[in-house]
């Protein structure tokens, strides 16, 4: 394979005008800042992969040929650094991308590419051309990895307040989901200047079945906003009503930007060059045209496509041929887990890409088009629309009760990973120590494993003491000093 750096191409394919790959590319990672995606800015670059026999034109610089562990020559590396405003101390392509998307990223996305967010089970994953080229576990002890991620999440937390959603307790649910996913004290996710609200247990699913009388108002289960075009309920199905794009947003928030949206979609009738497209949206902003989109394009092409839309500007993420069946409902599913965005068709994973542009937003929707509009014989329909959160993988919730006992109503303490137990171990994990026997409520643990050393019956403190030390760690951001103090208190230093 060959790896190139250069600009996206702005144009129109089908009914979407936006940014596309250069001809010959078979995969891409978007390395542009947010403003470069929104404006018609040719200085924003992506990294594109082609087959060995393909050569891109002079606008594109070849970084090298081979596998993702190839060494990038110094001249090409200098051009890369200049274009992306980064300074590299590595020369291997996969590590260059990791440093760009994590260590030297911009949590706001304003000046450089936005920070890569860990995906399922907290793995930082980079995919290119259908292949995983980098995979590394999120390390809370590595400040160069931890801080860009936490700063990005703090920005998303702040955005909930800016969107006036605080009264719905969404901020506490989002906080609870992050605690569950990252096993870190909740204070570490809160930006300066917001109240010290405790997290609550998240876990939300919203379903729309459209089982109601024919109506120009979508429902009956959820509240919908028709943000583009027009739609209706007919024959207990969602239908478009004109030969224009229809985009609708469900006005309900799940507890996490890590969620999936799915629907059953079918097309009836159509011929010639008319576009027939059914799609679902995830991470949809509450007002802006910002979202991820999975489109099943049934006519004239037969393909499944992933797009992102940032403030109204579309960019193709990936596409693949499919074989749809006319007049038959087929399930499509869009999942967002960290910076891994994936699409399924009829239960089969077809597309999976890396993109860090949209890290927040907790609503979903649909975007559909039938070029002939709507009548009794020609239409696009959708049914059984669902949005659900909680995709980060196997995480066991341990609270202040016995192992596995639910928390008190509406409250959640620090949550631990599945291989650890109790709040104490989550705090010790932050400070570099995991393992040991589950203590009873209010009692001190009886053993602890730090590194390869197992300590039985040391002088271990109560969970309250450990929790206080964790608050210190979050406040002072000095994990090494706090670890030393914990070891001193444990009698292990």
Protein backbone atom coordinates (compact mmCIF):
# COMPACT_ATOMS: atom_id res chain seq x y z
CA UNK A 1 0.00 0.00 0.00
CA UNK A 2 1.00 3.65 -0.51
CA UNK A 3 0.34 6.42 2.01
CA UNK A 4 -0.16 10.02 0.95
CA UNK A 5 -0.88 13.38 2.57
CA UNK A 6 -2.87 16.01 0.74
CA UNK A 7 -6.22 17.83 0.39
CA UNK A 8 -9.75 16.53 0.21
CA UNK A 9 -11.71 17.25 -3.00
CA UNK A 10 -14.85 19.39 -2.72
CA UNK A 11 -17.69 18.31 -5.02
CA UNK A 12 -21.10 16.68 -5.38
CA UNK A 13 -21.76 12.95 -5.55
CA UNK A 14 -25.41 11.93 -5.71
CA UNK A 15 -27.33 14.32 -3.46
CA UNK A 16 -24.49 15.20 -1.05
CA UNK A 17 -22.15 18.12 -1.71
CA UNK A 18 -19.06 17.94 0.47
CA UNK A 19 -15.49 16.71 0.85
CA UNK A 20 -14.42 13.51 -0.94
CA UNK A 21 -11.27 11.42 -1.33
CA UNK A 22 -9.02 11.85 -4.36
CA UNK A 23 -9.68 9.34 -7.16
CA UNK A 24 -7.77 6.15 -6.43
CA UNK A 25 -7.85 6.36 -2.62
CA UNK A 26 -9.22 3.32 -0.81
CA UNK A 27 -9.11 4.75 2.72
CA UNK A 28 -8.53 7.99 4.60
CA UNK A 29 -8.06 9.60 8.00
CA UNK A 30 -9.17 13.21 8.31
CA UNK A 31 -6.40 15.30 9.93
CA UNK A 32 -8.09 18.69 9.47
CA UNK A 33 -9.13 21.11 12.19
CA UNK A 34 -12.82 21.92 12.65
CA UNK A 35 -12.66 25.24 10.75
CA UNK A 36 -10.84 23.56 7.84
CA UNK A 37 -13.72 21.09 7.52
CA UNK A 38 -16.39 23.80 7.56
CA UNK A 39 -14.74 26.32 5.25
CA UNK A 40 -13.66 25.69 1.67
CA UNK A 41 -10.06 25.51 2.88
CA UNK A 42 -7.65 23.62 0.60
CA UNK A 43 -4.89 23.74 3.24
CA UNK A 44 -6.65 21.10 5.36
CA UNK A 45 -5.07 17.70 4.75
CA UNK A 46 -6.03 14.08 5.10
CA UNK A 47 -3.94 10.94 5.05
CA UNK A 48 -4.98 8.71 2.13
CA UNK A 49 -4.08 5.12 1.30
CA UNK A 50 -3.96 3.70 -2.23
CA UNK A 51 -2.99 0.45 -3.88
CA UNK A 52 0.69 0.11 -4.83
CA UNK A 53 -0.07 0.61 -8.53
CA UNK A 54 -1.88 3.94 -7.93
CA UNK A 55 -0.17 7.31 -8.08
CA UNK A 56 -1.92 10.49 -6.95
CA UNK A 57 -1.23 13.82 -8.62
CA UNK A 58 1.31 16.45 -7.55
CA UNK A 59 -0.95 17.91 -4.84
CA UNK A 60 -0.24 14.81 -2.76
CA UNK A 61 3.01 13.90 -1.03
CA UNK A 62 3.98 10.24 -0.79
CA UNK A 63 4.89 9.34 2.79
CA UNK A 64 5.98 5.82 1.87
CA UNK A 65 5.01 2.37 0.64
CA UNK A 66 4.53 -0.84 2.59
CA UNK A 67 2.83 -1.46 5.93
CA UNK A 68 1.76 1.09 8.55
CA UNK A 69 5.06 0.56 10.39
CA UNK A 70 7.01 2.03 7.46
CA UNK A 71 9.64 4.72 8.19
CA UNK A 72 8.69 8.12 6.75
CA UNK A 73 11.63 9.91 5.13
CA UNK A 74 12.78 13.16 6.74
CA UNK A 75 11.72 15.41 3.83
CA UNK A 76 8.17 14.04 3.81
CA UNK A 77 8.05 14.16 7.60
CA UNK A 78 9.00 17.86 7.61
CA UNK A 79 6.20 18.62 5.14
CA UNK A 80 3.79 16.66 7.33
CA UNK A 81 4.87 18.63 10.43
CA UNK A 82 4.45 21.95 8.66
CA UNK A 83 1.04 21.12 7.20
CA UNK A 84 -0.41 19.78 10.46
CA UNK A 85 1.34 22.11 12.93
CA UNK A 86 2.95 19.30 14.89
CA UNK A 87 6.50 18.50 16.01
CA UNK A 88 7.44 14.84 15.74
CA UNK A 89 10.03 12.79 17.57
CA UNK A 90 9.00 9.56 15.84
CA UNK A 91 9.40 8.49 12.21
CA UNK A 92 7.21 5.38 11.94
CA UNK A 93 3.89 6.07 10.21
CA UNK A 94 1.59 4.44 12.78
CA UNK A 95 3.33 6.29 15.63
CA UNK A 96 3.24 9.56 13.68
CA UNK A 97 -0.53 9.21 13.40
CA UNK A 98 -0.86 8.34 17.10
CA UNK A 99 1.16 11.41 18.10
CA UNK A 100 -0.90 13.58 15.75
CA UNK A 101 -4.29 12.31 16.94
CA UNK A 102 -3.47 12.00 20.65
CA UNK A 103 -0.35 13.66 22.04
CA UNK A 104 -0.33 16.77 19.82
CA UNK A 105 -4.03 17.02 19.05
CA UNK A 106 -6.27 19.95 19.97
CA UNK A 107 -9.09 19.04 22.42
CA UNK A 108 -11.18 21.87 20.92
CA UNK A 109 -10.39 21.03 17.30
CA UNK A 110 -9.92 24.71 16.54
CA UNK A 111 -6.24 24.79 15.54
CA UNK A 112 -5.40 21.15 14.85
CA UNK A 113 -7.17 17.83 14.48
CA UNK A 114 -9.43 17.02 17.44
CA UNK A 115 -8.30 14.48 20.03
CA UNK A 116 -8.80 10.77 19.41
CA UNK A 117 -11.16 9.33 22.06
CA UNK A 118 -10.68 5.73 23.26
CA UNK A 119 -13.18 3.22 21.95
CA UNK A 120 -14.51 -0.08 23.24
CA UNK A 121 -12.74 -1.23 26.43
CA UNK A 122 -10.68 1.99 26.36
CA UNK A 123 -8.47 1.06 23.41
CA UNK A 124 -7.08 3.92 21.35
CA UNK A 125 -7.59 2.55 17.83
CA UNK A 126 -6.67 3.99 14.43
CA UNK A 127 -8.16 2.39 11.32
CA UNK A 128 -7.13 3.10 7.73
CA UNK A 129 -8.30 1.40 4.57
CA UNK A 130 -10.28 -1.19 6.51
CA UNK A 131 -7.27 -2.19 8.65
CA UNK A 132 -6.38 -1.44 12.26
CA UNK A 133 -2.96 0.19 12.02
CA UNK A 134 -2.56 1.31 15.66
CA UNK A 135 -4.02 -0.01 18.92
CA UNK A 136 -2.95 0.92 22.41
CA UNK A 137 -4.73 0.86 25.78
CA UNK A 138 -5.65 4.24 27.27
CA UNK A 139 -3.19 4.86 30.12
CA UNK A 140 -4.49 7.19 32.88
CA UNK A 141 -0.96 7.48 34.29
CA UNK A 142 0.47 8.93 31.07
CA UNK A 143 -0.35 12.65 31.18
CA UNK A 144 0.43 13.08 27.47
CA UNK A 145 -2.34 10.57 26.72
CA UNK A 146 -4.70 11.32 29.61
CA UNK A 147 -4.93 15.10 29.49
CA UNK A 148 -5.98 15.63 25.84
CA UNK A 149 -8.75 13.06 26.31
CA UNK A 150 -9.97 14.50 29.62
CA UNK A 151 -9.79 18.06 28.31
CA UNK A 152 -11.93 17.01 25.33
CA UNK A 153 -14.49 15.41 27.63
CA UNK A 154 -14.50 18.46 29.91
CA UNK A 155 -15.36 20.54 26.86
CA UNK A 156 -18.26 18.24 26.06
CA UNK A 157 -19.44 18.43 29.67
CA UNK A 158 -19.36 22.23 29.45
CA UNK A 159 -21.36 22.10 26.22
CA UNK A 160 -24.24 20.44 28.08
CA UNK A 161 -24.50 23.52 30.25
CA UNK A 162 -24.24 25.77 27.22
CA UNK A 163 -27.16 23.90 25.63
CA UNK A 164 -29.28 24.51 28.76
CA UNK A 165 -29.76 20.80 29.42
CA UNK A 166 -28.65 20.85 33.04
CA UNK A 167 -32.22 20.85 34.39
CA UNK A 168 -32.74 17.39 32.87
CA UNK A 169 -29.82 15.91 34.85
CA UNK A 170 -28.16 14.92 31.59
CA UNK A 171 -24.83 16.25 32.84
CA UNK A 172 -24.93 13.82 35.80
CA UNK A 173 -25.83 10.90 33.54
CA UNK A 174 -22.97 11.71 31.16
CA UNK A 175 -20.65 11.97 34.14
CA UNK A 176 -21.83 8.59 35.39
CA UNK A 177 -21.16 7.01 32.01
CA UNK A 178 -17.60 8.40 31.91
CA UNK A 179 -16.91 7.14 35.43
CA UNK A 180 -18.20 3.74 34.35
CA UNK A 181 -16.10 3.73 31.18
CA UNK A 182 -12.81 5.19 32.44
CA UNK A 183 -12.84 4.05 36.10
CA UNK A 184 -11.57 7.47 37.20
CA UNK A 185 -12.87 9.81 39.92
CA UNK A 186 -15.71 11.91 38.56
CA UNK A 187 -14.01 15.18 39.52
CA UNK A 188 -11.41 14.59 36.81
CA UNK A 189 -14.08 15.07 34.12
CA UNK A 190 -15.54 18.33 35.46
CA UNK A 191 -14.25 21.61 34.00
CA UNK A 192 -13.43 24.54 36.25
CA UNK A 193 -16.37 26.71 37.20
CA UNK A 194 -19.15 24.11 37.19
CA UNK A 195 -20.88 22.85 40.36
CA UNK A 196 -19.52 19.68 41.95
CA UNK A 197 -22.55 17.57 41.00
CA UNK A 198 -22.23 13.84 41.61
CA UNK A 199 -22.83 11.31 38.81
CA UNK A 200 -25.89 9.11 38.52
CA UNK A 201 -26.23 5.69 36.93
CA UNK A 202 -26.81 6.03 33.18
CA UNK A 203 -28.29 3.66 30.67
CA UNK A 204 -30.88 4.90 28.23
CA UNK A 205 -32.76 3.56 25.21
CA UNK A 206 -35.40 5.38 23.18
CA UNK A 207 -37.58 3.58 20.61
CA UNK A 208 -39.97 4.95 18.00
CA UNK A 209 -42.34 2.47 16.31
CA UNK A 210 -44.51 5.00 14.38
CA UNK A 211 -47.55 2.91 15.27
CA UNK A 212 -50.15 5.64 15.09
CA UNK A 213 -52.76 7.04 12.76
CA UNK A 214 -51.56 8.69 9.54
CA UNK A 215 -50.33 12.15 10.46
CA UNK A 216 -48.06 15.02 9.39
CA UNK A 217 -46.60 14.86 12.92
CA UNK A 218 -44.06 12.14 13.64
CA UNK A 219 -44.59 9.92 16.69
CA UNK A 220 -46.20 8.63 18.82
CA UNK A 221 -43.39 7.48 21.15
CA UNK A 222 -40.92 10.33 20.80
CA UNK A 223 -40.83 14.05 20.08
CA UNK A 224 -39.32 14.84 16.66
CA UNK A 225 -38.09 17.98 14.96
CA UNK A 226 -38.14 18.13 11.17
CA UNK A 227 -34.93 20.10 10.68
CA UNK A 228 -34.72 19.66 6.92
CA UNK A 229 -37.46 18.91 4.41
CA UNK A 230 -40.71 17.25 5.41
CA UNK A 231 -41.87 13.87 6.69
CA UNK A 232 -45.03 12.12 7.88
CA UNK A 233 -46.44 8.93 9.39
CA UNK A 234 -48.29 6.70 6.91
CA UNK A 235 -49.28 3.05 7.30
CA UNK A 236 -47.44 2.96 10.67
CA UNK A 237 -44.16 4.00 8.95
CA UNK A 238 -41.99 7.07 8.62
CA UNK A 239 -42.27 8.45 5.06
CA UNK A 240 -40.67 11.30 3.13
CA UNK A 241 -43.21 13.64 1.51
CA UNK A 242 -41.31 15.40 -1.28
CA UNK A 243 -38.44 14.87 -3.71
CA UNK A 244 -36.03 16.59 -1.32
CA UNK A 245 -33.91 15.51 1.63
CA UNK A 246 -35.81 14.89 4.85
CA UNK A 247 -33.76 15.07 8.05
CA UNK A 248 -35.41 14.63 11.45
CA UNK A 249 -33.97 14.69 14.97
CA UNK A 250 -35.39 12.92 18.02
CA UNK A 251 -35.43 15.39 20.91
CA UNK A 252 -34.30 12.89 23.52
CA UNK A 253 -30.83 12.55 25.04
CA UNK A 254 -29.10 9.30 25.86
CA UNK A 255 -26.44 9.42 28.56
CA UNK A 256 -23.38 9.13 26.34
CA UNK A 257 -21.88 10.14 23.02
CA UNK A 258 -21.01 6.43 22.83
CA UNK A 259 -24.27 5.18 21.40
CA UNK A 260 -25.80 3.43 18.43
CA UNK A 261 -28.76 4.39 16.24
CA UNK A 262 -30.59 1.91 14.07
CA UNK A 263 -33.74 1.64 11.97
CA UNK A 264 -35.43 -0.64 9.50
CA UNK A 265 -35.54 1.08 6.12
CA UNK A 266 -37.08 0.11 2.77
CA UNK A 267 -37.58 1.68 -0.64
CA UNK A 268 -40.55 1.16 -2.91
CA UNK A 269 -40.47 2.09 -6.61
CA UNK A 270 -38.11 4.38 -8.52
CA UNK A 271 -36.21 4.28 -11.77
CA UNK A 272 -33.57 5.98 -13.87
CA UNK A 273 -31.02 8.20 -12.13
CA UNK A 274 -33.23 9.16 -9.20
CA UNK A 275 -31.59 9.03 -5.78
CA UNK A 276 -33.11 6.68 -3.21
CA UNK A 277 -31.38 6.97 0.15
CA UNK A 278 -32.23 5.87 3.68
CA UNK A 279 -30.05 6.84 6.59
CA UNK A 280 -29.66 7.21 10.36
CA UNK A 281 -27.80 9.93 12.27
CA UNK A 282 -25.84 9.68 15.54
CA UNK A 283 -24.16 12.28 17.76
CA UNK A 284 -26.61 14.80 16.37
CA UNK A 285 -26.20 18.31 17.78
CA UNK A 286 -29.23 19.85 19.47
CA UNK A 287 -29.43 22.64 16.89
CA UNK A 288 -26.48 22.65 14.47
CA UNK A 289 -26.20 20.43 11.38
CA UNK A 290 -23.47 18.37 13.07
CA UNK A 291 -23.78 14.57 13.14
CA UNK A 292 -22.46 11.25 11.85
CA UNK A 293 -24.53 9.65 9.07
CA UNK A 294 -24.90 6.11 7.77
CA UNK A 295 -26.54 6.13 4.34
CA UNK A 296 -27.90 3.10 2.51
CA UNK A 297 -27.93 4.31 -1.10
CA UNK A 298 -30.30 1.99 -2.94
CA UNK A 299 -30.55 3.69 -6.32
CA UNK A 300 -28.88 4.38 -8.72
CA UNK A 301 -25.85 3.15 -6.71
CA UNK A 302 -26.11 0.20 -4.34
CA UNK A 303 -23.75 1.15 -1.53
CA UNK A 304 -23.45 1.84 2.17
CA UNK A 305 -21.68 5.10 3.05
CA UNK A 306 -20.43 6.75 6.22
CA UNK A 307 -20.36 10.54 6.33
CA UNK A 308 -19.77 13.19 8.94
CA UNK A 309 -21.44 16.57 8.81
CA UNK A 310 -19.75 19.40 10.74
CA UNK A 311 -21.79 22.63 10.86
CA UNK A 312 -23.41 21.69 7.54
CA UNK A 313 -20.21 20.56 5.79
CA UNK A 314 -20.15 16.88 4.72
CA UNK A 315 -17.06 14.67 4.43
CA UNK A 316 -17.08 11.10 3.14
CA UNK A 317 -15.55 8.67 5.69
CA UNK A 318 -15.93 5.39 3.79
CA UNK A 319 -18.20 3.53 1.37
CA UNK A 320 -18.86 -0.07 0.32
CA UNK A 321 -21.09 -1.84 -2.20
CA UNK A 322 -24.12 -3.70 -0.82
CA UNK A 323 -26.97 -5.73 -2.30
CA UNK A 324 -30.32 -4.37 -1.08
CA UNK A 325 -33.72 -5.97 -1.60
CA UNK A 326 -36.53 -3.72 -2.94
CA UNK A 327 -39.81 -3.50 -1.02
CA UNK A 328 -38.21 -5.14 2.04
CA UNK A 329 -37.32 -3.60 5.37
CA UNK A 330 -33.58 -3.90 6.04
CA UNK A 331 -31.83 -2.90 9.26
CA UNK A 332 -29.05 -0.32 9.20
CA UNK A 333 -27.08 0.53 12.34
CA UNK A 334 -24.63 3.35 13.07
CA UNK A 335 -22.40 3.02 16.16
CA UNK A 336 -20.11 5.66 17.68
CA UNK A 337 -17.67 4.43 20.33
CA UNK A 338 -14.94 6.92 21.12
CA UNK A 339 -13.42 7.86 17.77
CA UNK A 340 -14.44 4.57 16.13
CA UNK A 341 -17.44 5.05 13.83
CA UNK A 342 -18.99 1.95 12.27
CA UNK A 343 -21.92 0.93 10.10
CA UNK A 344 -23.90 -2.30 9.76
CA UNK A 345 -26.31 -3.52 7.09
CA UNK A 346 -28.65 -6.42 7.91
CA UNK A 347 -26.61 -7.23 11.03
CA UNK A 348 -23.26 -7.41 9.21
CA UNK A 349 -20.48 -4.96 10.06
CA UNK A 350 -19.57 -3.37 6.72
CA UNK A 351 -17.73 -0.15 7.57
CA UNK A 352 -15.50 0.94 10.45
CA UNK A 353 -13.37 4.11 10.46
CA UNK A 354 -11.44 6.40 12.75
CA UNK A 355 -12.66 10.00 13.07
CA UNK A 356 -12.31 12.39 16.01
CA UNK A 357 -14.25 15.40 14.69
CA UNK A 358 -17.47 14.94 16.71
CA UNK A 359 -16.72 13.82 20.26
CA UNK A 360 -19.97 14.81 21.94
CA UNK A 361 -23.74 15.11 21.32
CA UNK A 362 -26.31 12.67 22.67
CA UNK A 363 -29.19 12.72 20.18
CA UNK A 364 -29.96 10.83 16.98
CA UNK A 365 -32.12 11.09 13.92
CA UNK A 366 -32.75 10.06 10.31
CA UNK A 367 -31.92 11.47 6.89
CA UNK A 368 -33.79 10.11 3.85
CA UNK A 369 -34.51 10.98 0.23
CA UNK A 370 -36.59 9.55 -2.59
CA UNK A 371 -36.05 11.43 -5.84
CA UNK A 372 -39.67 10.93 -6.93
CA UNK A 373 -41.09 12.32 -3.72
CA UNK A 374 -43.94 10.38 -2.15
CA UNK A 375 -47.05 8.62 -3.39
CA UNK A 376 -48.71 5.26 -2.85
CA UNK A 377 -46.31 3.37 -5.12
CA UNK A 378 -43.02 5.30 -4.82
CA UNK A 379 -41.56 6.17 -1.43
CA UNK A 380 -38.82 5.65 1.18
CA UNK A 381 -40.00 4.31 4.53
CA UNK A 382 -38.45 3.67 7.95
CA UNK A 383 -39.66 1.88 11.07
CA UNK A 384 -38.52 0.76 14.53
CA UNK A 385 -35.99 3.54 15.07
CA UNK A 386 -33.82 3.07 18.18
CA UNK A 387 -31.05 4.96 19.97
CA UNK A 388 -29.19 3.36 22.88
CA UNK A 389 -26.05 4.15 24.87
CA UNK A 390 -23.53 2.02 26.77
CA UNK A 391 -21.22 0.58 24.10
CA UNK A 392 -17.85 0.70 25.85
CA UNK A 393 -17.57 -3.01 26.51
CA UNK A 394 -17.64 -5.25 29.56
CA UNK A 395 -17.56 -3.07 32.65
CA UNK A 396 -18.79 -4.29 36.02
CA UNK A 397 -20.51 -1.78 38.29
CA UNK A 398 -19.31 -2.12 41.88
CA UNK A 399 -20.81 0.30 44.40
CA UNK A 400 -20.61 0.83 48.13
CA UNK A 401 -22.78 -2.23 48.76
CA UNK A 402 -21.76 -5.84 48.29
CA UNK A 403 -20.23 -6.82 44.96
CA UNK A 404 -22.79 -6.33 42.20
CA UNK A 405 -25.36 -4.73 44.54
CA UNK A 406 -27.12 -1.75 42.92
CA UNK A 407 -26.28 1.73 44.13
CA UNK A 408 -28.76 3.75 46.14
CA UNK A 409 -31.44 5.32 43.95
CA UNK A 410 -29.99 7.96 41.67
CA UNK A 411 -26.44 7.78 43.02
CA UNK A 412 -23.23 6.14 41.93
CA UNK A 413 -19.81 6.11 43.51
CA UNK A 414 -16.54 5.63 41.64
CA UNK A 415 -16.93 2.52 39.47
CA UNK A 416 -14.23 -0.08 39.05
CA UNK A 417 -13.13 -2.24 36.12
CA UNK A 418 -14.32 -5.83 35.89
CA UNK A 419 -11.03 -7.31 37.10
CA UNK A 420 -10.91 -5.07 40.20
CA UNK A 421 -13.25 -4.63 43.14
CA UNK A 422 -14.76 -1.79 45.10
CA UNK A 423 -14.09 1.91 44.98
CA UNK A 424 -10.73 1.45 46.66
CA UNK A 425 -9.36 -0.50 43.75
CA UNK A 426 -10.50 2.08 41.18
CA UNK A 427 -8.59 4.71 43.10
CA UNK A 428 -5.56 2.47 43.42
CA UNK A 429 -5.74 1.81 39.68
CA UNK A 430 -5.44 5.54 39.04
CA UNK A 431 -2.31 5.49 41.15
CA UNK A 432 -0.85 2.45 39.44
CA UNK A 433 -2.02 -0.43 41.65
CA UNK A 434 -4.74 -3.00 40.97
CA UNK A 435 -5.71 -6.34 42.43
CA UNK A 436 -6.49 -7.79 45.82
CA UNK A 437 -9.47 -9.25 47.66
CA UNK A 438 -12.86 -7.54 47.71
CA UNK A 439 -13.36 -5.85 51.10
CA UNK A 440 -16.70 -5.77 52.86
CA UNK A 441 -18.55 -2.49 53.06
CA UNK A 442 -16.73 -0.09 55.42
CA UNK A 443 -13.81 -2.48 55.93
CA UNK A 444 -10.21 -2.25 54.75
CA UNK A 445 -9.01 -4.58 51.98
CA UNK A 446 -6.76 -7.45 53.08
CA UNK A 447 -4.28 -7.63 50.24
CA UNK A 448 -3.05 -5.60 47.29
CA UNK A 449 -1.04 -6.25 44.15
CA UNK A 450 1.25 -3.47 42.92
CA UNK A 451 3.07 -4.38 39.73
CA UNK A 452 4.25 -7.96 40.20
CA UNK A 453 4.38 -7.67 44.01
CA UNK A 454 1.52 -9.15 46.03
CA UNK A 455 1.16 -7.88 49.61
CA UNK A 456 -0.97 -9.88 52.06
CA UNK A 457 -2.53 -8.25 55.14
CA UNK A 458 -0.64 -4.96 54.90
CA UNK A 459 -1.74 -1.98 56.93
CA UNK A 460 -4.37 -0.87 54.41
CA UNK A 461 -6.60 2.16 55.03
CA UNK A 462 -10.36 2.37 54.69
CA UNK A 463 -12.03 3.23 51.41
CA UNK A 464 -12.83 6.72 52.72
CA UNK A 465 -9.13 7.48 53.11
CA UNK A 466 -8.38 6.16 49.62
CA UNK A 467 -11.24 8.17 48.15
CA UNK A 468 -9.92 11.34 49.79
CA UNK A 469 -6.50 10.66 48.31
CA UNK A 470 -8.10 10.24 44.88
CA UNK A 471 -9.76 13.64 45.20
CA UNK A 472 -6.31 15.03 45.93
CA UNK A 473 -5.00 13.35 42.78
CA UNK A 474 -7.76 14.93 40.68
CA UNK A 475 -7.31 18.35 42.27
CA UNK A 476 -3.53 18.48 42.18
CA UNK A 477 -3.03 16.41 39.02
CA UNK A 478 0.03 14.95 40.68
CA UNK A 479 -0.46 11.21 40.49
CA UNK A 480 3.14 10.32 41.27
CA UNK A 481 3.09 12.22 44.54
CA UNK A 482 -0.29 10.79 45.47
CA UNK A 483 0.86 7.25 44.65
CA UNK A 484 3.83 7.75 46.95
CA UNK A 485 1.50 8.95 49.70
CA UNK A 486 -0.85 5.99 49.22
CA UNK A 487 2.06 3.56 49.42
CA UNK A 488 3.23 5.30 52.59
CA UNK A 489 -0.25 5.02 54.13
CA UNK A 490 -0.41 1.37 53.04
CA UNK A 491 2.91 0.70 54.73
CA UNK A 492 4.40 -0.51 51.46
CA UNK A 493 6.90 2.26 50.74
